[in-house]
């Protein structure tokens, strides 16, 4: 049964670069999420920092 050939140095460098860019992007997204404040203030009927629901609710108006 034939063995797999050893990866070329350029393939290894490409994989490492892709992994590094992926990690850097994830870290940047995490930091931006923690630092950037929301554009809109919280709704008047909700406490600041309270988790909001992603399910639509019918208004009582």
PDB file of N, CA and C in Angstrom:
ATOM      1  N   UNK A   1       0.835  -1.171   0.000  1.00  0.00           N
ATOM      2  CA  UNK A   1       0.000   0.000   0.000  1.00  0.00           C
ATOM      3  C   UNK A   1       0.892   1.250   0.000  1.00  0.00           C
ATOM      4  N   UNK A   2       0.667   2.156  -0.936  1.00  0.00           N
ATOM      5  CA  UNK A   2       1.542   3.331  -1.011  1.00  0.00           C
ATOM      6  C   UNK A   2       1.287   4.293   0.150  1.00  0.00           C
ATOM      7  N   UNK A   3       2.354   4.917   0.555  1.00  0.00           N
ATOM      8  CA  UNK A   3       2.259   5.918   1.621  1.00  0.00           C
ATOM      9  C   UNK A   3       1.963   7.282   1.016  1.00  0.00           C
ATOM     10  N   UNK A   4       1.447   8.141   1.859  1.00  0.00           N
ATOM     11  CA  UNK A   4       1.236   9.512   1.401  1.00  0.00           C
ATOM     12  C   UNK A   4       2.578  10.209   1.310  1.00  0.00           C
ATOM     13  N   UNK A   5       2.662  11.089   0.340  1.00  0.00           N
ATOM     14  CA  UNK A   5       3.915  11.823   0.215  1.00  0.00           C
ATOM     15  C   UNK A   5       3.975  12.920   1.274  1.00  0.00           C
ATOM     16  N   UNK A   6       5.176  13.312   1.605  1.00  0.00           N
ATOM     17  CA  UNK A   6       5.362  14.383   2.588  1.00  0.00           C
ATOM     18  C   UNK A   6       4.881  15.700   1.981  1.00  0.00           C
ATOM     19  N   UNK A   7       4.181  16.534   2.767  1.00  0.00           N
ATOM     20  CA  UNK A   7       3.719  17.813   2.222  1.00  0.00           C
ATOM     21  C   UNK A   7       4.887  18.734   1.897  1.00  0.00           C
ATOM     22  N   UNK A   8       4.712  19.499   0.877  1.00  0.00           N
ATOM     23  CA  UNK A   8       5.745  20.447   0.471  1.00  0.00           C
ATOM     24  C   UNK A   8       5.848  21.566   1.498  1.00  0.00           C
ATOM     25  N   UNK A   9       7.013  22.184   1.594  1.00  0.00           N
ATOM     26  CA  UNK A   9       7.159  23.300   2.544  1.00  0.00           C
ATOM     27  C   UNK A   9       6.188  24.455   2.248  1.00  0.00           C
ATOM     28  N   UNK A  10       5.873  24.678   0.972  1.00  0.00           N
ATOM     29  CA  UNK A  10       4.941  25.767   0.662  1.00  0.00           C
ATOM     30  C   UNK A  10       3.526  25.428   1.126  1.00  0.00           C
ATOM     31  N   UNK A  11       3.154  24.150   1.079  1.00  0.00           N
ATOM     32  CA  UNK A  11       1.835  23.740   1.564  1.00  0.00           C
ATOM     33  C   UNK A  11       1.742  23.919   3.075  1.00  0.00           C
ATOM     34  N   UNK A  12       2.809  23.563   3.776  1.00  0.00           N
ATOM     35  CA  UNK A  12       2.832  23.737   5.228  1.00  0.00           C
ATOM     36  C   UNK A  12       2.753  25.220   5.598  1.00  0.00           C
ATOM     37  N   UNK A  13       3.498  26.038   4.886  1.00  0.00           N
ATOM     38  CA  UNK A  13       3.476  27.475   5.157  1.00  0.00           C
ATOM     39  C   UNK A  13       2.092  28.053   4.860  1.00  0.00           C
ATOM     40  N   UNK A  14       1.461  27.598   3.808  1.00  0.00           N
ATOM     41  CA  UNK A  14       0.120  28.078   3.457  1.00  0.00           C
ATOM     42  C   UNK A  14      -0.900  27.693   4.536  1.00  0.00           C
ATOM     43  N   UNK A  15      -0.796  26.462   5.034  1.00  0.00           N
ATOM     44  CA  UNK A  15      -1.715  26.009   6.092  1.00  0.00           C
ATOM     45  C   UNK A  15      -1.498  26.787   7.387  1.00  0.00           C
ATOM     46  N   UNK A  16      -0.234  27.028   7.721  1.00  0.00           N
ATOM     47  CA  UNK A  16       0.064  27.794   8.934  1.00  0.00           C
ATOM     48  C   UNK A  16      -0.431  29.230   8.808  1.00  0.00           C
ATOM     49  N   UNK A  17      -0.249  29.822   7.652  1.00  0.00           N
ATOM     50  CA  UNK A  17      -0.732  31.186   7.435  1.00  0.00           C
ATOM     51  C   UNK A  17      -2.249  31.244   7.534  1.00  0.00           C
ATOM     52  N   UNK A  18      -2.929  30.285   6.945  1.00  0.00           N
ATOM     53  CA  UNK A  18      -4.394  30.246   7.016  1.00  0.00           C
ATOM     54  C   UNK A  18      -4.863  30.086   8.461  1.00  0.00           C
ATOM     55  N   UNK A  19      -4.216  29.235   9.220  1.00  0.00           N
ATOM     56  CA  UNK A  19      -4.581  29.035  10.622  1.00  0.00           C
ATOM     57  C   UNK A  19      -4.316  30.297  11.436  1.00  0.00           C
ATOM     58  N   UNK A  20      -3.207  30.955  11.170  1.00  0.00           N
ATOM     59  CA  UNK A  20      -2.880  32.185  11.890  1.00  0.00           C
ATOM     60  C   UNK A  20      -3.881  33.294  11.562  1.00  0.00           C
ATOM     61  N   UNK A  21      -4.249  33.424  10.295  1.00  0.00           N
ATOM     62  CA  UNK A  21      -5.224  34.449   9.915  1.00  0.00           C
ATOM     63  C   UNK A  21      -6.597  34.161  10.509  1.00  0.00           C
ATOM     64  N   UNK A  22      -6.971  32.902  10.548  1.00  0.00           N
ATOM     65  CA  UNK A  22      -8.247  32.526  11.152  1.00  0.00           C
ATOM     66  C   UNK A  22      -8.259  32.857  12.639  1.00  0.00           C
ATOM     67  N   UNK A  23      -7.199  32.520  13.327  1.00  0.00           N
ATOM     68  CA  UNK A  23      -7.102  32.827  14.754  1.00  0.00           C
ATOM     69  C   UNK A  23      -7.077  34.319  15.026  1.00  0.00           C
ATOM     70  N   UNK A  24      -6.360  35.056  14.204  1.00  0.00           N
ATOM     71  CA  UNK A  24      -6.302  36.509  14.360  1.00  0.00           C
ATOM     72  C   UNK A  24      -7.664  37.140  14.125  1.00  0.00           C
ATOM     73  N   UNK A  25      -8.373  36.666  13.127  1.00  0.00           N
ATOM     74  CA  UNK A  25      -9.712  37.188  12.850  1.00  0.00           C
ATOM     75  C   UNK A  25     -10.687  36.897  13.976  1.00  0.00           C
ATOM     76  N   UNK A  26     -10.607  35.701  14.538  1.00  0.00           N
ATOM     77  CA  UNK A  26     -11.491  35.347  15.651  1.00  0.00           C
ATOM     78  C   UNK A  26     -11.178  36.193  16.878  1.00  0.00           C
ATOM     79  N   UNK A  27      -9.905  36.415  17.150  1.00  0.00           N
ATOM     80  CA  UNK A  27      -9.519  37.242  18.282  1.00  0.00           C
ATOM     81  C   UNK A  27      -9.959  38.689  18.073  1.00  0.00           C
ATOM     82  N   UNK A  28      -9.793  39.205  16.874  1.00  0.00           N
ATOM     83  CA  UNK A  28     -10.215  40.580  16.582  1.00  0.00           C
ATOM     84  C   UNK A  28     -11.728  40.725  16.732  1.00  0.00           C
ATOM     85  N   UNK A  29     -12.480  39.752  16.263  1.00  0.00           N
ATOM     86  CA  UNK A  29     -13.938  39.812  16.399  1.00  0.00           C
ATOM     87  C   UNK A  29     -14.356  39.769  17.861  1.00  0.00           C
ATOM     88  N   UNK A  30     -13.681  38.962  18.649  1.00  0.00           N
ATOM     89  CA  UNK A  30     -13.989  38.881  20.074  1.00  0.00           C
ATOM     90  C   UNK A  30     -13.692  40.205  20.771  1.00  0.00           C
ATOM     91  N   UNK A  31     -12.542  40.789  20.463  1.00  0.00           N
ATOM     92  CA  UNK A  31     -12.183  42.067  21.091  1.00  0.00           C
ATOM     93  C   UNK A  31     -13.133  43.175  20.662  1.00  0.00           C
ATOM     94  N   UNK A  32     -13.502  43.213  19.395  1.00  0.00           N
ATOM     95  CA  UNK A  32     -14.434  44.243  18.932  1.00  0.00           C
ATOM     96  C   UNK A  32     -15.795  44.098  19.596  1.00  0.00           C
ATOM     97  N   UNK A  33     -16.241  42.873  19.770  1.00  0.00           N
ATOM     98  CA  UNK A  33     -17.526  42.640  20.424  1.00  0.00           C
ATOM     99  C   UNK A  33     -17.486  43.129  21.863  1.00  0.00           C
ATOM    100  N   UNK A  34     -16.368  42.953  22.533  1.00  0.00           N
ATOM    101  CA  UNK A  34     -16.253  43.361  23.933  1.00  0.00           C
ATOM    102  C   UNK A  34     -16.086  44.870  24.083  1.00  0.00           C
ATOM    103  N   UNK A  35     -15.485  45.537  23.094  1.00  0.00           N
ATOM    104  CA  UNK A  35     -15.139  46.953  23.229  1.00  0.00           C
ATOM    105  C   UNK A  35     -16.205  47.883  22.659  1.00  0.00           C
ATOM    106  N   UNK A  36     -16.786  47.538  21.536  1.00  0.00           N
ATOM    107  CA  UNK A  36     -17.702  48.435  20.841  1.00  0.00           C
ATOM    108  C   UNK A  36     -19.044  48.466  21.561  1.00  0.00           C
ATOM    109  N   UNK A  37     -19.573  49.670  21.754  1.00  0.00           N
ATOM    110  CA  UNK A  37     -20.877  49.815  22.395  1.00  0.00           C
ATOM    111  C   UNK A  37     -21.963  49.743  21.327  1.00  0.00           C
ATOM    112  N   UNK A  38     -23.154  49.296  21.693  1.00  0.00           N
ATOM    113  CA  UNK A  38     -24.225  49.216  20.705  1.00  0.00           C
ATOM    114  C   UNK A  38     -24.611  50.599  20.184  1.00  0.00           C
ATOM    115  N   UNK A  39     -25.125  50.651  18.973  1.00  0.00           N
ATOM    116  CA  UNK A  39     -25.493  51.924  18.364  1.00  0.00           C
ATOM    117  C   UNK A  39     -26.766  52.493  18.963  1.00  0.00           C
ATOM    118  N   UNK A  40     -27.655  51.646  19.406  1.00  0.00           N
ATOM    119  CA  UNK A  40     -28.938  52.106  19.936  1.00  0.00           C
ATOM    120  C   UNK A  40     -29.010  51.822  21.435  1.00  0.00           C
ATOM    121  N   UNK A  41     -29.668  52.701  22.174  1.00  0.00           N
ATOM    122  CA  UNK A  41     -29.832  52.430  23.598  1.00  0.00           C
ATOM    123  C   UNK A  41     -30.822  51.284  23.807  1.00  0.00           C
ATOM    124  N   UNK A  42     -30.824  50.688  24.989  1.00  0.00           N
ATOM    125  CA  UNK A  42     -31.785  49.612  25.230  1.00  0.00           C
ATOM    126  C   UNK A  42     -33.210  50.148  25.220  1.00  0.00           C
ATOM    127  N   UNK A  43     -34.149  49.287  24.938  1.00  0.00           N
ATOM    128  CA  UNK A  43     -35.553  49.681  24.912  1.00  0.00           C
ATOM    129  C   UNK A  43     -35.964  50.163  26.301  1.00  0.00           C
ATOM    130  N   UNK A  44     -36.906  51.123  26.374  1.00  0.00           N
ATOM    131  CA  UNK A  44     -37.286  51.672  27.675  1.00  0.00           C
ATOM    132  C   UNK A  44     -37.919  50.644  28.615  1.00  0.00           C
ATOM    133  N   UNK A  45     -38.502  49.590  28.076  1.00  0.00           N
ATOM    134  CA  UNK A  45     -39.136  48.598  28.936  1.00  0.00           C
ATOM    135  C   UNK A  45     -38.194  47.470  29.346  1.00  0.00           C
ATOM    136  N   UNK A  46     -36.909  47.600  29.025  1.00  0.00           N
ATOM    137  CA  UNK A  46     -35.937  46.560  29.376  1.00  0.00           C
ATOM    138  C   UNK A  46     -34.817  47.163  30.217  1.00  0.00           C
ATOM    139  N   UNK A  47     -34.273  46.338  31.096  1.00  0.00           N
ATOM    140  CA  UNK A  47     -33.137  46.778  31.898  1.00  0.00           C
ATOM    141  C   UNK A  47     -31.888  46.784  31.019  1.00  0.00           C
ATOM    142  N   UNK A  48     -30.991  47.746  31.238  1.00  0.00           N
ATOM    143  CA  UNK A  48     -29.741  47.734  30.467  1.00  0.00           C
ATOM    144  C   UNK A  48     -28.943  46.467  30.770  1.00  0.00           C
ATOM    145  N   UNK A  49     -28.442  45.857  29.749  1.00  0.00           N
ATOM    146  CA  UNK A  49     -27.638  44.657  29.906  1.00  0.00           C
ATOM    147  C   UNK A  49     -28.443  43.381  30.000  1.00  0.00           C
ATOM    148  N   UNK A  50     -29.755  43.474  29.965  1.00  0.00           N
ATOM    149  CA  UNK A  50     -30.576  42.267  30.031  1.00  0.00           C
ATOM    150  C   UNK A  50     -30.547  41.553  28.687  1.00  0.00           C
ATOM    151  N   UNK A  51     -30.573  40.251  28.739  1.00  0.00           N
ATOM    152  CA  UNK A  51     -30.576  39.472  27.502  1.00  0.00           C
ATOM    153  C   UNK A  51     -31.911  39.653  26.798  1.00  0.00           C
ATOM    154  N   UNK A  52     -31.858  39.826  25.507  1.00  0.00           N
ATOM    155  CA  UNK A  52     -33.093  39.995  24.752  1.00  0.00           C
ATOM    156  C   UNK A  52     -33.449  38.699  24.046  1.00  0.00           C
ATOM    157  N   UNK A  53     -34.687  38.560  23.722  1.00  0.00           N
ATOM    158  CA  UNK A  53     -35.160  37.363  23.052  1.00  0.00           C
ATOM    159  C   UNK A  53     -35.042  37.547  21.547  1.00  0.00           C
ATOM    160  N   UNK A  54     -34.764  36.464  20.840  1.00  0.00           N
ATOM    161  CA  UNK A  54     -34.716  36.539  19.381  1.00  0.00           C
ATOM    162  C   UNK A  54     -36.056  36.121  18.773  1.00  0.00           C
ATOM    163  N   UNK A  55     -37.051  35.899  19.626  1.00  0.00           N
ATOM    164  CA  UNK A  55     -38.366  35.514  19.159  1.00  0.00           C
ATOM    165  C   UNK A  55     -39.260  36.764  19.135  1.00  0.00           C
ATOM    166  N   UNK A  56     -39.944  36.983  18.032  1.00  0.00           N
ATOM    167  CA  UNK A  56     -40.812  38.147  17.923  1.00  0.00           C
ATOM    168  C   UNK A  56     -42.006  37.988  18.879  1.00  0.00           C
ATOM    169  N   UNK A  57     -42.398  39.100  19.472  1.00  0.00           N
ATOM    170  CA  UNK A  57     -43.530  39.080  20.383  1.00  0.00           C
ATOM    171  C   UNK A  57     -44.534  40.127  19.934  1.00  0.00           C
ATOM    172  N   UNK A  58     -45.803  39.807  20.128  1.00  0.00           N
ATOM    173  CA  UNK A  58     -46.876  40.700  19.738  1.00  0.00           C
ATOM    174  C   UNK A  58     -46.953  41.851  20.738  1.00  0.00           C
ATOM    175  N   UNK A  59     -47.110  43.053  20.233  1.00  0.00           N
ATOM    176  CA  UNK A  59     -47.216  44.230  21.092  1.00  0.00           C
ATOM    177  C   UNK A  59     -48.593  44.312  21.735  1.00  0.00           C
ATOM    178  N   UNK A  60     -48.677  44.867  22.924  1.00  0.00           N
ATOM    179  CA  UNK A  60     -49.944  45.014  23.643  1.00  0.00           C
ATOM    180  C   UNK A  60     -50.667  46.293  23.252  1.00  0.00           C
ATOM    181  N   UNK A  61     -50.119  47.075  22.351  1.00  0.00           N
ATOM    182  CA  UNK A  61     -50.743  48.348  21.935  1.00  0.00           C
ATOM    183  C   UNK A  61     -52.068  48.121  21.254  1.00  0.00           C
TER     184      UNK A  61
END
